[in-house]
N, C-alpha and C. Protein backbone atom coordinates (compact mmCIF):
# COMPACT_ATOMS: atom_id res chain seq x y z
N MET A 1 149.52 85.84 115.25
CA MET A 1 149.70 85.73 116.78
C MET A 1 148.65 85.38 117.72
N ARG A 2 148.43 85.07 118.65
CA ARG A 2 147.28 84.85 119.55
C ARG A 2 147.50 85.81 120.54
N ILE A 3 146.63 86.78 120.74
CA ILE A 3 146.46 87.97 121.61
C ILE A 3 145.19 88.31 122.43
N ILE A 4 145.61 88.20 123.43
CA ILE A 4 144.56 88.46 124.60
C ILE A 4 144.61 89.77 125.39
N ALA A 5 144.12 90.78 124.70
CA ALA A 5 144.28 92.15 125.26
C ALA A 5 143.21 92.66 126.48
N ILE A 6 143.84 92.89 127.56
CA ILE A 6 142.57 93.00 128.90
C ILE A 6 143.15 94.42 129.32
N GLY A 7 142.21 94.95 130.00
CA GLY A 7 142.24 96.31 130.46
C GLY A 7 141.12 97.15 130.92
N CYS A 8 141.03 98.17 131.97
CA CYS A 8 140.08 98.82 132.02
C CYS A 8 138.93 99.30 130.78
N GLU A 9 138.03 99.37 131.19
CA GLU A 9 137.04 100.09 129.81
C GLU A 9 137.85 101.77 129.97
N TYR A 10 138.20 101.82 128.59
CA TYR A 10 138.92 103.03 128.05
C TYR A 10 140.51 103.03 128.48
N SER A 11 140.79 102.36 128.88
CA SER A 11 142.51 102.12 128.66
C SER A 11 143.16 101.19 127.15
N GLY A 12 142.21 101.22 126.04
CA GLY A 12 142.79 101.06 124.56
C GLY A 12 142.80 99.70 124.39
N VAL A 13 142.15 98.47 125.17
CA VAL A 13 141.90 97.34 124.29
C VAL A 13 141.11 97.29 122.74
N SER A 14 140.05 97.80 122.70
CA SER A 14 139.48 97.83 121.32
C SER A 14 140.61 98.77 120.28
N THR A 15 141.22 99.72 120.83
CA THR A 15 141.75 100.54 119.79
C THR A 15 143.00 99.61 119.27
N LEU A 16 143.73 98.93 120.14
CA LEU A 16 144.73 98.25 120.27
C LEU A 16 144.55 96.95 119.23
N ILE A 17 143.13 96.19 119.38
CA ILE A 17 142.83 95.01 118.53
C ILE A 17 142.47 95.25 117.48
N LYS A 18 141.91 96.49 117.04
CA LYS A 18 141.51 97.17 115.84
C LYS A 18 142.63 97.65 115.33
N GLY A 19 143.46 98.13 115.59
CA GLY A 19 144.56 98.54 114.82
C GLY A 19 145.38 97.38 114.37
N LEU A 20 145.65 96.53 115.27
CA LEU A 20 146.50 94.85 114.99
C LEU A 20 145.62 94.51 113.78
N ASP A 21 144.39 94.32 113.84
CA ASP A 21 143.31 94.27 112.78
C ASP A 21 144.04 94.58 111.23
N ALA A 22 143.67 95.83 111.39
CA ALA A 22 144.38 96.54 110.12
C ALA A 22 145.16 96.38 109.94
N TRP A 23 146.67 96.47 110.54
CA TRP A 23 147.70 96.37 110.52
C TRP A 23 147.95 94.67 109.63
N GLY A 24 147.25 93.61 110.29
CA GLY A 24 147.09 92.41 109.43
C GLY A 24 146.75 92.42 108.25
N ARG A 25 145.51 93.07 107.94
CA ARG A 25 144.94 93.14 106.76
C ARG A 25 146.04 93.54 105.77
N GLU A 26 146.85 94.88 106.07
CA GLU A 26 147.40 95.68 105.14
C GLU A 26 148.61 94.42 104.80
N ARG A 27 148.75 93.29 105.57
CA ARG A 27 149.93 92.80 105.18
C ARG A 27 149.62 91.17 104.61
N GLY A 28 148.17 91.23 104.39
CA GLY A 28 147.88 89.92 104.16
C GLY A 28 147.49 88.96 104.93
N ILE A 29 147.16 89.31 106.39
CA ILE A 29 147.31 88.63 107.56
C ILE A 29 145.90 88.58 107.87
N GLN A 30 145.27 87.80 108.06
CA GLN A 30 143.58 88.13 108.16
C GLN A 30 143.66 86.91 109.93
N HIS A 31 143.61 88.14 110.65
CA HIS A 31 143.02 87.90 112.00
C HIS A 31 141.39 87.23 112.66
N HIS A 32 141.43 86.77 113.41
CA HIS A 32 139.83 86.40 113.94
C HIS A 32 139.65 87.31 115.07
N LEU A 33 138.53 88.33 115.27
CA LEU A 33 138.87 89.40 115.92
C LEU A 33 137.35 89.25 116.69
N ASP A 34 137.48 89.10 118.38
CA ASP A 34 136.08 88.93 118.93
C ASP A 34 136.69 90.03 120.22
N ASP A 35 135.39 91.25 120.02
CA ASP A 35 135.80 92.33 121.32
C ASP A 35 134.38 92.36 121.74
N HIS A 36 134.00 91.25 121.97
CA HIS A 36 132.47 91.27 122.53
C HIS A 36 132.07 90.75 124.17
N PHE A 37 132.99 90.62 124.54
CA PHE A 37 132.91 89.74 126.00
C PHE A 37 132.27 90.68 127.12
N THR A 38 132.02 92.12 126.90
CA THR A 38 131.28 93.09 127.99
C THR A 38 129.78 92.84 127.44
N ILE A 39 128.93 92.92 128.78
CA ILE A 39 127.72 92.92 128.44
C ILE A 39 127.43 94.53 128.16
N PRO A 40 126.20 94.73 127.28
CA PRO A 40 125.92 93.67 126.17
C PRO A 40 126.88 93.75 124.88
N ASP A 41 126.77 93.02 124.19
CA ASP A 41 127.59 92.91 123.07
C ASP A 41 127.14 93.73 122.09
N ALA A 42 127.70 94.91 122.51
CA ALA A 42 127.49 95.75 121.04
C ALA A 42 127.81 96.02 119.79
N TYR A 43 128.51 94.81 119.46
CA TYR A 43 129.16 94.43 118.15
C TYR A 43 128.34 93.80 117.49
N HIS A 44 127.46 92.89 117.81
CA HIS A 44 126.71 92.18 116.85
C HIS A 44 125.50 91.83 117.16
N LEU A 45 124.85 92.85 118.55
CA LEU A 45 123.60 92.44 118.56
C LEU A 45 122.71 94.22 118.38
N ASP A 46 121.65 94.13 118.06
CA ASP A 46 120.98 95.66 117.82
C ASP A 46 120.34 95.80 119.06
N GLN A 47 119.61 97.47 118.95
CA GLN A 47 119.29 97.90 120.56
C GLN A 47 118.46 97.12 121.45
N ALA A 48 117.05 96.32 120.38
CA ALA A 48 116.34 95.27 121.16
C ALA A 48 117.31 94.47 121.88
N GLU A 49 118.00 93.64 121.33
CA GLU A 49 118.83 92.59 121.80
C GLU A 49 119.58 92.61 123.18
N GLN A 50 120.20 94.31 122.84
CA GLN A 50 121.63 94.50 123.68
C GLN A 50 120.70 94.76 125.28
N GLN A 51 119.65 95.06 125.08
CA GLN A 51 118.92 95.66 126.03
C GLN A 51 118.36 94.17 126.69
N ALA A 52 117.99 93.14 125.99
CA ALA A 52 117.50 92.34 126.53
C ALA A 52 118.77 91.36 127.13
N MET A 53 119.93 91.35 126.71
CA MET A 53 121.10 90.73 127.33
C MET A 53 121.27 91.77 128.58
N LEU A 54 121.34 92.90 128.48
CA LEU A 54 121.32 93.53 129.99
C LEU A 54 120.19 93.27 131.19
N ASP A 55 118.72 92.73 130.68
CA ASP A 55 117.73 92.33 131.39
C ASP A 55 118.02 90.89 131.85
N MET A 56 118.83 90.47 131.58
CA MET A 56 118.89 88.74 131.55
C MET A 56 119.36 88.57 133.25
N LEU A 57 118.42 87.53 134.00
CA LEU A 57 119.35 87.59 135.60
C LEU A 57 120.37 87.08 135.63
N PRO A 58 120.91 87.66 136.64
CA PRO A 58 122.28 87.34 137.10
C PRO A 58 122.70 86.10 136.86
N ALA A 59 122.31 84.90 137.37
CA ALA A 59 122.70 83.44 136.57
C ALA A 59 122.74 83.08 135.62
N ILE A 60 121.76 83.75 134.90
CA ILE A 60 121.88 83.30 133.53
C ILE A 60 122.88 84.14 132.93
N LYS A 61 122.88 85.33 133.09
CA LYS A 61 124.52 86.04 132.61
C LYS A 61 125.86 85.60 132.53
N GLU A 62 125.91 84.96 133.86
CA GLU A 62 127.10 84.26 134.17
C GLU A 62 127.45 83.31 133.51
N ARG A 63 126.51 82.17 133.29
CA ARG A 63 126.42 80.79 132.66
C ARG A 63 126.75 81.23 131.16
N PHE A 64 125.91 82.31 130.57
CA PHE A 64 126.35 82.75 129.51
C PHE A 64 127.90 83.20 129.45
N GLN A 65 128.17 84.15 130.22
CA GLN A 65 129.93 84.42 129.99
C GLN A 65 130.66 83.33 130.06
N ARG A 66 130.42 82.04 130.77
CA ARG A 66 131.24 80.68 131.24
C ARG A 66 131.12 79.93 129.75
N PHE A 67 130.04 80.07 129.07
CA PHE A 67 129.85 79.28 128.00
C PHE A 67 130.55 79.74 127.05
N GLN A 68 130.63 81.33 126.67
CA GLN A 68 131.72 82.11 125.48
C GLN A 68 133.08 81.91 125.86
N ILE A 69 133.50 81.56 127.05
CA ILE A 69 134.65 81.46 127.22
C ILE A 69 134.80 80.32 126.80
N VAL A 70 134.60 79.34 127.52
CA VAL A 70 135.02 78.44 127.04
C VAL A 70 134.90 77.88 125.28
N TYR A 71 134.22 78.21 124.65
CA TYR A 71 134.36 78.52 123.13
C TYR A 71 135.23 79.17 123.01
N HIS A 72 135.48 80.35 123.09
CA HIS A 72 136.54 80.77 122.69
C HIS A 72 137.88 80.22 123.09
N VAL A 73 138.04 79.90 124.28
CA VAL A 73 139.09 78.70 124.16
C VAL A 73 139.47 77.77 122.73
N ARG A 74 138.44 77.55 122.31
CA ARG A 74 138.61 76.75 121.45
C ARG A 74 138.86 77.07 120.06
N LEU A 75 138.47 78.38 119.88
CA LEU A 75 138.62 79.17 118.79
C LEU A 75 140.44 79.68 118.69
N LEU A 76 140.88 79.92 120.23
CA LEU A 76 142.31 80.31 120.33
C LEU A 76 143.19 78.90 119.48
N HIS A 77 142.67 77.65 119.65
CA HIS A 77 143.51 76.62 118.96
C HIS A 77 143.24 76.33 117.49
N ARG A 78 142.00 77.14 116.90
CA ARG A 78 141.39 76.58 115.77
C ARG A 78 142.35 78.15 114.81
N TYR A 79 142.58 79.03 115.41
CA TYR A 79 142.97 80.18 114.66
C TYR A 79 144.42 80.48 114.84
N GLN A 80 145.10 80.32 114.12
CA GLN A 80 146.67 80.82 113.98
C GLN A 80 147.10 82.33 114.37
N HIS A 81 146.13 83.04 113.87
CA HIS A 81 145.71 84.69 113.96
C HIS A 81 144.86 84.99 114.65
N ILE A 82 144.67 85.21 116.05
CA ILE A 82 143.46 85.51 116.80
C ILE A 82 143.50 86.90 117.45
N LEU A 83 142.50 87.31 118.01
CA LEU A 83 142.19 88.88 118.65
C LEU A 83 141.45 88.52 119.71
N LEU A 84 141.39 88.83 120.52
CA LEU A 84 140.42 88.47 121.91
C LEU A 84 140.57 89.75 122.67
N GLY A 85 139.32 90.49 122.64
CA GLY A 85 139.42 91.85 123.87
C GLY A 85 138.91 91.43 125.07
N GLY A 86 139.34 91.62 126.22
CA GLY A 86 138.98 91.33 127.43
C GLY A 86 139.24 89.93 127.60
N PHE A 87 138.24 88.92 127.22
CA PHE A 87 138.07 87.51 127.34
C PHE A 87 137.86 87.34 128.80
N HIS A 88 138.59 86.30 129.75
CA HIS A 88 138.40 85.67 130.63
C HIS A 88 138.52 86.49 132.12
N ILE A 89 139.91 87.14 131.87
CA ILE A 89 140.21 88.11 132.58
C ILE A 89 139.10 89.22 132.75
N GLU A 90 138.90 90.08 131.71
CA GLU A 90 137.83 90.69 132.09
C GLU A 90 136.42 90.20 132.69
N GLU A 91 136.18 89.44 132.47
CA GLU A 91 135.22 88.41 133.08
C GLU A 91 135.48 88.42 134.76
N ALA A 92 136.70 87.88 134.95
CA ALA A 92 136.89 87.78 136.35
C ALA A 92 136.85 89.23 137.17
N VAL A 93 137.00 90.38 136.58
CA VAL A 93 137.31 91.80 137.33
C VAL A 93 135.65 92.11 137.22
N TYR A 94 134.72 91.97 135.69
CA TYR A 94 133.63 92.73 135.89
C TYR A 94 132.52 91.75 136.32
N GLY A 95 132.84 90.45 136.39
CA GLY A 95 131.50 89.71 136.31
C GLY A 95 131.06 89.94 137.75
N PRO A 96 131.74 89.39 138.72
CA PRO A 96 131.08 89.44 139.80
C PRO A 96 130.72 91.06 140.34
N ARG A 97 131.27 91.90 139.79
CA ARG A 97 130.93 93.25 140.52
C ARG A 97 129.84 93.47 139.66
N TYR A 98 129.90 93.44 138.30
CA TYR A 98 128.49 94.11 137.94
C TYR A 98 127.55 93.57 136.94
N TYR A 99 127.98 92.17 136.94
CA TYR A 99 127.16 91.28 136.08
C TYR A 99 126.16 90.01 136.96
N TYR A 100 126.39 89.54 137.85
CA TYR A 100 126.09 88.76 138.61
C TYR A 100 126.68 88.78 140.54
N PRO A 101 126.62 89.80 141.36
CA PRO A 101 127.24 89.60 142.38
C PRO A 101 126.58 88.79 143.12
N GLY A 102 127.46 88.27 143.93
CA GLY A 102 127.41 87.29 144.74
C GLY A 102 127.59 85.64 144.47
N ILE A 103 128.07 85.90 142.92
CA ILE A 103 128.20 84.00 142.48
C ILE A 103 129.70 84.19 141.82
N PRO A 104 130.09 83.42 142.61
CA PRO A 104 131.64 83.57 142.07
C PRO A 104 132.30 83.01 141.24
N VAL A 105 133.63 83.48 140.51
CA VAL A 105 133.90 82.94 139.37
C VAL A 105 135.04 82.66 139.28
N GLU A 106 135.77 81.32 138.58
CA GLU A 106 136.97 81.08 138.58
C GLU A 106 137.61 80.93 137.20
N VAL A 107 138.35 81.95 137.04
CA VAL A 107 138.79 82.01 135.24
C VAL A 107 140.08 81.48 135.00
N ARG A 108 140.84 81.06 136.23
CA ARG A 108 142.56 80.77 136.05
C ARG A 108 142.09 79.39 135.54
N GLU A 109 141.42 78.48 135.90
CA GLU A 109 140.97 77.04 135.20
C GLU A 109 141.07 76.57 133.83
N TYR A 110 140.76 77.96 133.01
CA TYR A 110 141.10 78.09 131.73
C TYR A 110 142.26 77.68 131.19
N GLU A 111 142.93 78.56 131.85
CA GLU A 111 144.13 79.09 130.84
C GLU A 111 145.14 77.92 130.50
N PRO A 112 145.26 76.56 131.41
CA PRO A 112 145.98 75.58 130.89
C PRO A 112 145.42 75.11 129.67
N ASP A 113 144.19 75.61 129.58
CA ASP A 113 143.74 74.71 128.10
C ASP A 113 144.28 75.66 126.72
N MET A 114 144.70 76.86 127.50
CA MET A 114 144.88 77.65 126.36
C MET A 114 146.34 77.51 125.42
N PRO A 115 145.87 77.53 124.16
CA PRO A 115 147.59 77.21 123.61
C PRO A 115 148.81 77.97 124.66
N SER A 116 149.94 77.25 124.33
CA SER A 116 151.27 77.89 124.63
C SER A 116 151.95 79.07 124.40
N ASP A 117 151.16 79.70 123.15
CA ASP A 117 151.80 80.71 122.82
C ASP A 117 151.02 81.70 122.73
N ALA A 118 149.95 81.56 123.43
CA ALA A 118 148.87 82.83 123.40
C ALA A 118 149.78 83.92 124.09
N ILE A 119 149.90 85.00 123.83
CA ILE A 119 150.33 86.01 124.34
C ILE A 119 148.82 87.31 125.11
N LEU A 120 149.52 87.74 126.56
CA LEU A 120 148.64 88.39 127.40
C LEU A 120 149.18 89.95 127.14
N VAL A 121 148.42 91.04 127.07
CA VAL A 121 148.83 92.36 126.72
C VAL A 121 147.93 92.83 127.90
N HIS A 122 148.46 93.58 128.96
CA HIS A 122 147.78 94.57 129.84
C HIS A 122 147.81 95.85 129.65
N LEU A 123 146.76 96.40 129.19
CA LEU A 123 146.67 98.15 128.71
C LEU A 123 146.48 98.79 130.16
N LYS A 124 147.04 99.69 130.83
CA LYS A 124 146.46 100.45 131.63
C LYS A 124 146.41 101.92 131.28
N ALA A 125 146.16 102.65 132.35
CA ALA A 125 146.15 104.06 132.19
C ALA A 125 146.28 105.23 133.14
N ARG A 126 146.27 106.06 133.73
CA ARG A 126 146.56 106.68 134.95
C ARG A 126 145.03 106.92 135.04
N PRO A 127 144.32 106.92 136.14
CA PRO A 127 143.09 106.94 136.85
C PRO A 127 142.18 108.29 135.93
N GLU A 128 143.23 109.47 135.89
CA GLU A 128 142.66 110.66 135.46
C GLU A 128 142.42 110.61 133.69
N ILE A 129 143.64 109.77 133.24
CA ILE A 129 143.33 109.45 131.93
C ILE A 129 142.13 108.90 131.54
N ILE A 130 141.85 107.94 132.21
CA ILE A 130 140.79 107.16 132.17
C ILE A 130 139.01 107.86 132.13
N ARG A 131 139.23 108.64 133.09
CA ARG A 131 138.17 109.30 133.48
C ARG A 131 137.91 110.75 132.49
N ALA A 132 138.89 111.32 131.88
CA ALA A 132 138.66 112.24 130.80
C ALA A 132 138.38 111.41 129.46
N ARG A 133 138.78 110.42 129.39
CA ARG A 133 138.53 109.69 127.79
C ARG A 133 136.98 109.41 128.26
N MET A 134 136.70 108.84 129.30
CA MET A 134 135.32 108.50 129.52
C MET A 134 133.95 109.75 129.20
N ALA A 135 134.71 111.19 129.64
CA ALA A 135 133.98 112.58 129.43
C ALA A 135 134.02 112.89 127.80
N ALA A 136 135.07 112.60 127.29
CA ALA A 136 135.19 112.79 125.80
C ALA A 136 134.46 112.30 124.73
N HIS A 137 134.25 110.40 125.52
CA HIS A 137 134.21 109.89 124.68
C HIS A 137 132.99 109.00 125.02
N PRO A 138 132.10 108.92 125.67
CA PRO A 138 130.98 108.15 126.39
C PRO A 138 130.77 107.09 125.51
N HIS A 139 130.88 105.86 126.15
CA HIS A 139 130.13 105.05 125.64
C HIS A 139 128.60 104.66 125.57
N PRO A 140 127.94 103.96 124.69
CA PRO A 140 126.75 103.69 125.13
C PRO A 140 126.18 103.05 126.38
N HIS A 141 126.71 102.28 126.40
CA HIS A 141 126.54 101.16 127.95
C HIS A 141 127.52 100.95 128.51
N GLN A 142 128.27 102.10 128.96
CA GLN A 142 129.29 102.67 129.75
C GLN A 142 129.27 101.48 131.06
N LEU A 143 130.05 100.81 131.24
CA LEU A 143 130.03 99.67 132.44
C LEU A 143 130.91 100.30 133.89
N VAL A 144 131.99 100.71 133.53
CA VAL A 144 133.00 101.46 134.68
C VAL A 144 132.54 102.71 135.52
N PRO A 145 131.86 102.81 136.28
CA PRO A 145 131.70 104.21 137.03
C PRO A 145 132.92 105.01 137.45
N ALA A 146 132.87 106.36 137.01
CA ALA A 146 134.24 107.03 137.12
C ALA A 146 134.81 106.77 138.55
N ALA A 147 133.56 107.11 139.99
CA ALA A 147 134.22 106.46 141.15
C ALA A 147 135.17 105.13 141.16
N GLU A 148 134.65 104.26 140.53
CA GLU A 148 135.40 103.15 140.59
C GLU A 148 136.47 102.84 139.66
N VAL A 149 137.12 103.55 138.77
CA VAL A 149 138.33 104.13 138.19
C VAL A 149 139.29 102.95 138.93
N GLU A 150 139.56 103.45 139.62
CA GLU A 150 140.93 103.01 140.61
C GLU A 150 140.73 101.59 140.97
N GLU A 151 139.69 101.37 141.36
CA GLU A 151 139.37 99.74 141.85
C GLU A 151 139.58 98.91 140.43
N ILE A 152 138.91 99.30 139.73
CA ILE A 152 139.16 98.51 138.79
C ILE A 152 140.37 98.27 137.89
N LEU A 153 141.37 99.20 138.07
CA LEU A 153 142.57 99.19 137.37
C LEU A 153 143.13 98.21 138.38
N ALA A 154 143.33 98.34 140.00
CA ALA A 154 143.68 97.47 140.36
C ALA A 154 143.18 95.93 140.13
N GLY A 155 142.08 95.58 140.00
CA GLY A 155 141.52 94.45 139.53
C GLY A 155 142.32 94.00 138.37
N PHE A 156 142.43 94.76 137.67
CA PHE A 156 142.82 94.15 136.09
C PHE A 156 144.61 93.87 136.79
N ALA A 157 145.33 94.66 137.39
CA ALA A 157 146.50 94.71 137.38
C ALA A 157 146.42 93.20 138.44
N GLU A 158 145.80 93.14 139.24
CA GLU A 158 145.83 91.67 140.21
C GLU A 158 145.86 90.60 139.29
N GLU A 159 144.67 90.75 138.52
CA GLU A 159 144.22 89.16 137.49
C GLU A 159 145.59 89.44 136.56
N TYR A 160 146.34 90.26 136.14
CA TYR A 160 147.31 90.17 135.20
C TYR A 160 148.44 89.65 135.96
N ARG A 161 148.87 89.88 137.08
CA ARG A 161 149.89 89.35 137.83
C ARG A 161 149.84 87.75 138.19
N HIS A 162 148.62 87.26 138.34
CA HIS A 162 148.42 85.84 138.87
C HIS A 162 147.92 85.05 137.68
N SER A 163 148.10 85.72 136.17
CA SER A 163 147.83 84.98 135.23
C SER A 163 148.76 83.53 135.01
N TRP A 164 148.27 82.49 134.38
CA TRP A 164 149.41 81.35 134.50
C TRP A 164 149.83 81.72 132.83
N ILE A 165 149.42 82.35 132.26
CA ILE A 165 149.97 82.50 130.50
C ILE A 165 151.34 83.38 130.67
N ARG A 166 152.50 82.53 130.30
CA ARG A 166 153.60 82.95 130.20
C ARG A 166 154.16 84.03 129.69
N ARG A 167 153.89 84.26 128.21
CA ARG A 167 154.02 85.26 127.63
C ARG A 167 153.21 86.72 127.53
N LYS A 168 153.86 87.38 128.35
CA LYS A 168 152.49 88.66 128.88
C LYS A 168 153.78 89.60 128.87
N PHE A 169 153.18 90.82 128.69
CA PHE A 169 153.42 91.99 128.90
C PHE A 169 152.95 93.28 129.53
N GLU A 170 153.26 94.39 129.61
CA GLU A 170 152.46 95.64 129.78
C GLU A 170 152.18 96.90 129.19
N ILE A 171 151.19 97.40 129.01
CA ILE A 171 151.76 98.80 128.03
C ILE A 171 150.92 99.86 128.63
N ASP A 172 151.30 100.94 129.10
CA ASP A 172 150.49 102.35 129.66
C ASP A 172 150.34 103.05 128.63
N THR A 173 149.25 103.07 128.37
CA THR A 173 148.53 103.87 126.80
C THR A 173 148.23 105.58 127.44
N SER A 174 148.90 105.92 128.70
CA SER A 174 148.22 107.38 129.47
C SER A 174 148.44 108.38 127.93
N ASP A 175 149.43 107.97 127.42
CA ASP A 175 150.56 109.07 126.68
C ASP A 175 150.80 109.16 125.26
N SER A 176 149.56 107.71 124.96
CA SER A 176 149.87 107.22 123.77
C SER A 176 148.52 107.15 122.71
N SER A 177 149.28 107.71 121.49
CA SER A 177 147.83 108.05 120.65
C SER A 177 147.83 106.31 119.68
N PRO A 178 146.82 106.38 119.17
CA PRO A 178 146.36 104.70 118.63
C PRO A 178 147.70 104.18 117.63
N SER A 179 148.32 105.09 116.87
CA SER A 179 149.62 104.34 116.40
C SER A 179 150.49 104.40 117.06
N GLN A 180 150.52 105.10 118.33
CA GLN A 180 151.94 104.81 119.31
C GLN A 180 151.84 103.53 119.72
N LEU A 181 150.62 103.47 120.32
CA LEU A 181 149.89 101.76 120.79
C LEU A 181 150.60 100.97 119.86
N LEU A 182 150.34 100.89 118.66
CA LEU A 182 150.15 99.75 117.93
C LEU A 182 152.03 99.46 117.86
N GLU A 183 152.55 100.57 117.57
CA GLU A 183 154.01 100.60 117.38
C GLU A 183 154.66 100.18 118.84
N THR A 184 153.94 100.53 119.64
CA THR A 184 154.73 99.74 121.07
C THR A 184 154.21 98.42 121.15
N PHE A 185 153.36 97.80 121.26
CA PHE A 185 152.95 96.74 121.08
C PHE A 185 153.84 96.09 120.06
N LEU A 186 153.80 96.23 118.85
CA LEU A 186 154.63 95.63 117.91
C LEU A 186 156.06 95.26 118.47
N ARG A 187 156.74 96.18 118.92
CA ARG A 187 157.74 96.41 119.27
C ARG A 187 157.95 95.54 120.71
N LEU A 188 157.05 95.67 121.49
CA LEU A 188 157.34 94.64 123.24
C LEU A 188 157.05 93.34 122.41
N SER A 189 156.16 93.02 121.95
CA SER A 189 155.92 91.55 121.06
C SER A 189 156.56 90.83 120.59
N ILE A 190 157.87 91.28 120.35
CA ILE A 190 159.02 90.74 119.47
C ILE A 190 159.29 89.34 120.64
N PRO A 191 159.63 89.36 121.59
CA PRO A 191 160.45 88.40 122.47
C PRO A 191 159.27 87.62 122.76
N HIS A 192 157.80 87.58 122.41
CA HIS A 192 157.10 86.56 122.70
C HIS A 192 156.58 85.67 121.92
N LEU A 193 157.03 86.37 120.65
CA LEU A 193 156.35 85.67 119.40
C LEU A 193 156.65 84.17 119.66
N ASN A 194 155.85 83.32 118.97
CA ASN A 194 156.68 81.57 118.92
C ASN A 194 157.42 81.92 117.78
N PRO A 195 157.95 81.01 116.84
CA PRO A 195 159.12 80.67 115.84
C PRO A 195 158.48 81.38 114.81
N ALA A 196 157.04 80.65 114.24
CA ALA A 196 156.42 81.06 113.09
C ALA A 196 156.14 82.49 112.84
N ASP A 197 155.52 82.95 114.24
CA ASP A 197 155.11 84.56 114.19
C ASP A 197 156.45 86.01 114.14
N ALA A 198 157.51 85.14 114.68
CA ALA A 198 158.90 85.59 114.71
C ALA A 198 159.21 85.87 113.25
N ALA A 199 159.15 84.56 112.26
CA ALA A 199 159.84 84.56 111.29
C ALA A 199 158.63 85.79 110.03
N LEU A 200 157.55 85.60 110.35
CA LEU A 200 156.85 86.41 109.47
C LEU A 200 157.09 88.14 109.71
N ARG A 201 156.98 88.18 111.38
CA ARG A 201 157.55 89.51 111.64
C ARG A 201 158.65 89.71 110.66
N LEU A 202 159.83 88.91 110.31
CA LEU A 202 160.69 89.48 109.96
C LEU A 202 160.91 89.64 108.51
N LEU A 203 160.08 89.02 107.88
CA LEU A 203 159.57 88.89 106.68
C LEU A 203 158.87 90.42 106.12
N MET A 204 158.20 90.97 107.02
CA MET A 204 157.47 92.26 107.01
C MET A 204 158.15 93.12 107.06
N ARG A 205 159.40 93.48 107.48
CA ARG A 205 160.04 94.88 107.92
C ARG A 205 160.12 95.53 106.28
């Protein structure tokens, strides 16, 4: 599967792609996983490097993000099984607001270059649930302020609606455990699988 999972911080994006990665490994499927599009990259950089990324000038942040989006479009073609968290749509929501205010960004132009079997899944949750998760499990570099949750949720919903990716669906994670989220994804993704992935899924039953 080629999966692009998007959604407001604390909506379950990282939980889903980590669950899918573990699910795949248990079945002999090796996914390429990239969940480092939110600045700073807390997955591959140490504390000093993360701070340096935060301190970059806005125009440099925009250029860096644009370059890594282009690079990962290439990876979508290279890997049959790939999981991307946030990716270009996250950039459309977060970039002009938090990284480089005043610099326009256009991400739709990347979508025609993506494989036709890429699947877009939009994760969402009720605002009070997002805020409760923020309070219970604060991120080291939390990006979305609690007061802006509604606006960010609306931004992701709008970008999802306008996306040109044809294979797409939504999941409300408000009342889901990690295992329930994975089960829901596996069920709802069936109509969107390409023939090879559909056949592989049948073999895994």
